[in-house]
C-alpha atoms as a PDB file:
ATOM      1  CA  MET A   1      -2.295   7.539  19.956  1.00  0.00           C
ATOM      2  CA  LEU A   2      -4.038   5.020  17.697  1.00  0.00           C
ATOM      3  CA  ALA A   3      -2.377   6.484  14.586  1.00  0.00           C
ATOM      4  CA  TYR A   4       1.069   6.130  16.175  1.00  0.00           C
ATOM      5  CA  TYR A   5       0.283   2.538  17.162  1.00  0.00           C
ATOM      6  CA  LEU A   6      -0.802   1.655  13.611  1.00  0.00           C
ATOM      7  CA  GLN A   7       2.251   3.360  12.129  1.00  0.00           C
ATOM      8  CA  TRP A   8       4.557   1.431  14.461  1.00  0.00           C
ATOM      9  CA  HIS A   9       2.989  -1.910  13.488  1.00  0.00           C
ATOM     10  CA  MET A  10       3.109  -1.072   9.784  1.00  0.00           C
ATOM     11  CA  LYS A  11       6.804  -0.186  10.060  1.00  0.00           C
ATOM     12  CA  GLN A  12       7.458  -3.516  11.788  1.00  0.00           C
ATOM     13  CA  ARG A  13       5.803  -5.456   8.972  1.00  0.00           C
ATOM     14  CA  LEU A  14       7.466  -3.320   6.279  1.00  0.00           C
ATOM     15  CA  ALA A  15      10.946  -3.772   7.789  1.00  0.00           C
ATOM     16  CA  PRO A  16      12.071  -6.173   4.999  1.00  0.00           C
ATOM     17  CA  LEU A  17      11.122  -3.576   2.379  1.00  0.00           C
ATOM     18  CA  PHE A  18      13.050  -0.842   4.168  1.00  0.00           C
ATOM     19  CA  ALA A  19      16.035  -3.150   4.814  1.00  0.00           C
ATOM     20  CA  GLN A  20      16.435  -3.900   1.083  1.00  0.00           C
ATOM     21  CA  ASP A  21      16.362  -0.209   0.243  1.00  0.00           C
ATOM     22  CA  GLY A  22      19.368   2.052  -0.266  1.00  0.00           C
ATOM     23  CA  THR A  23      20.565   4.690   2.137  1.00  0.00           C
ATOM     24  CA  GLN A  24      20.220   8.479   2.352  1.00  0.00           C
ATOM     25  CA  LYS A  25      19.495   9.981  -1.093  1.00  0.00           C
ATOM     26  CA  ASN A  26      19.430   6.544  -2.770  1.00  0.00           C
ATOM     27  CA  ARG A  27      16.514   5.461  -0.616  1.00  0.00           C
ATOM     28  CA  ARG A  28      13.329   4.712  -2.530  1.00  0.00           C
ATOM     29  CA  TRP A  29      11.053   3.763   0.316  1.00  0.00           C
ATOM     30  CA  SER A  30       9.895   5.790   3.272  1.00  0.00           C
ATOM     31  CA  PHE A  31       6.709   5.466   5.249  1.00  0.00           C
ATOM     32  CA  ALA A  32       5.256   8.416   3.307  1.00  0.00           C
ATOM     33  CA  ASN A  33       6.141   6.770  -0.038  1.00  0.00           C
ATOM     34  CA  VAL A  34       4.464   3.542   1.025  1.00  0.00           C
ATOM     35  CA  LEU A  35       1.267   5.439   1.872  1.00  0.00           C
ATOM     36  CA  GLU A  36       1.365   7.239  -1.487  1.00  0.00           C
ATOM     37  CA  ARG A  37       1.672   3.932  -3.362  1.00  0.00           C
ATOM     38  CA  LEU A  38      -1.238   2.459  -1.388  1.00  0.00           C
ATOM     39  CA  LYS A  39      -3.409   5.527  -2.090  1.00  0.00           C
ATOM     40  CA  ALA A  40      -3.222   4.691  -5.794  1.00  0.00           C
ATOM     41  CA  ILE A  41      -5.203   1.480  -5.228  1.00  0.00           C
ATOM     42  CA  ARG A  42      -8.896   2.151  -5.783  1.00  0.00           C
ATOM     43  CA  GLN A  43     -12.162   0.298  -5.446  1.00  0.00           C
ATOM     44  CA  GLU A  44     -15.219   2.027  -6.802  1.00  0.00           C
ATOM     45  CA  ARG A  45     -18.820   1.084  -7.410  1.00  0.00           C
ATOM     46  CA  ALA A  46     -19.804   1.891 -10.995  1.00  0.00           C
ATOM     47  CA  LYS A  47     -23.178   1.791 -12.701  1.00  0.00           C
ATOM     48  CA  LEU A  48     -23.562   1.499 -16.471  1.00  0.00           C
ATOM     49  CA  ASN A  49     -26.895   1.013 -18.231  1.00  0.00           C
ATOM     50  CA  GLY A  50     -28.518   0.017 -14.941  1.00  0.00           C
ATOM     51  CA  ILE A  51     -25.896  -2.620 -14.147  1.00  0.00           C
ATOM     52  CA  ALA A  52     -23.804  -1.995 -11.027  1.00  0.00           C
ATOM     53  CA  PHE A  53     -20.345  -3.486 -10.621  1.00  0.00           C
ATOM     54  CA  ASP A  54     -17.189  -2.998  -8.572  1.00  0.00           C
ATOM     55  CA  GLN A  55     -14.128  -1.688 -10.342  1.00  0.00           C
ATOM     56  CA  VAL A  56     -10.913  -2.542  -8.502  1.00  0.00           C
ATOM     57  CA  THR A  57      -7.417  -1.405  -9.407  1.00  0.00           C
ATOM     58  CA  VAL A  58      -5.005  -4.250 -10.053  1.00  0.00           C
ATOM     59  CA  PRO A  59      -2.032  -3.609  -7.763  1.00  0.00           C
ATOM     60  CA  GLU A  60       1.311  -3.066  -9.432  1.00  0.00           C
ATOM     61  CA  GLU A  61       4.279  -5.202  -8.398  1.00  0.00           C
ATOM     62  CA  ASP A  62       5.535  -2.834  -5.692  1.00  0.00           C
ATOM     63  CA  GLN A  63       2.033  -2.282  -4.340  1.00  0.00           C
ATOM     64  CA  GLN A  64       1.445  -6.036  -4.187  1.00  0.00           C
ATOM     65  CA  ARG A  65       4.702  -6.491  -2.262  1.00  0.00           C
ATOM     66  CA  ILE A  66       3.581  -3.884   0.283  1.00  0.00           C
ATOM     67  CA  LEU A  67       0.168  -5.539   0.653  1.00  0.00           C
ATOM     68  CA  GLU A  68       1.795  -8.930   1.155  1.00  0.00           C
ATOM     69  CA  LEU A  69       4.096  -7.569   3.867  1.00  0.00           C
ATOM     70  CA  LEU A  70       1.112  -5.943   5.579  1.00  0.00           C
ATOM     71  CA  LYS A  71      -0.862  -9.209   5.191  1.00  0.00           C
ATOM     72  CA  VAL A  72      -3.699  -7.443   3.378  1.00  0.00           C
ATOM     73  CA  LYS A  73      -5.775  -9.105   0.675  1.00  0.00           C
ATOM     74  CA  LEU A  74      -7.907  -7.155  -1.746  1.00  0.00           C
END
């Protein structure tokens, strides 16, 4: 039930992205595509010569647009 609730809210916030998209075969964005693009964003803790640091992926333009619509800051 919680997963459905989260999906519904995400679709509401992503409505502008979906509205700008094409139709049928010309469509670029689906909920599954959005999740795939977000999966590519990584944050990892790395350690080199005893120094630990966080390595964060810089979001690409489309990923940043999705994050902005979802109101998520990295």
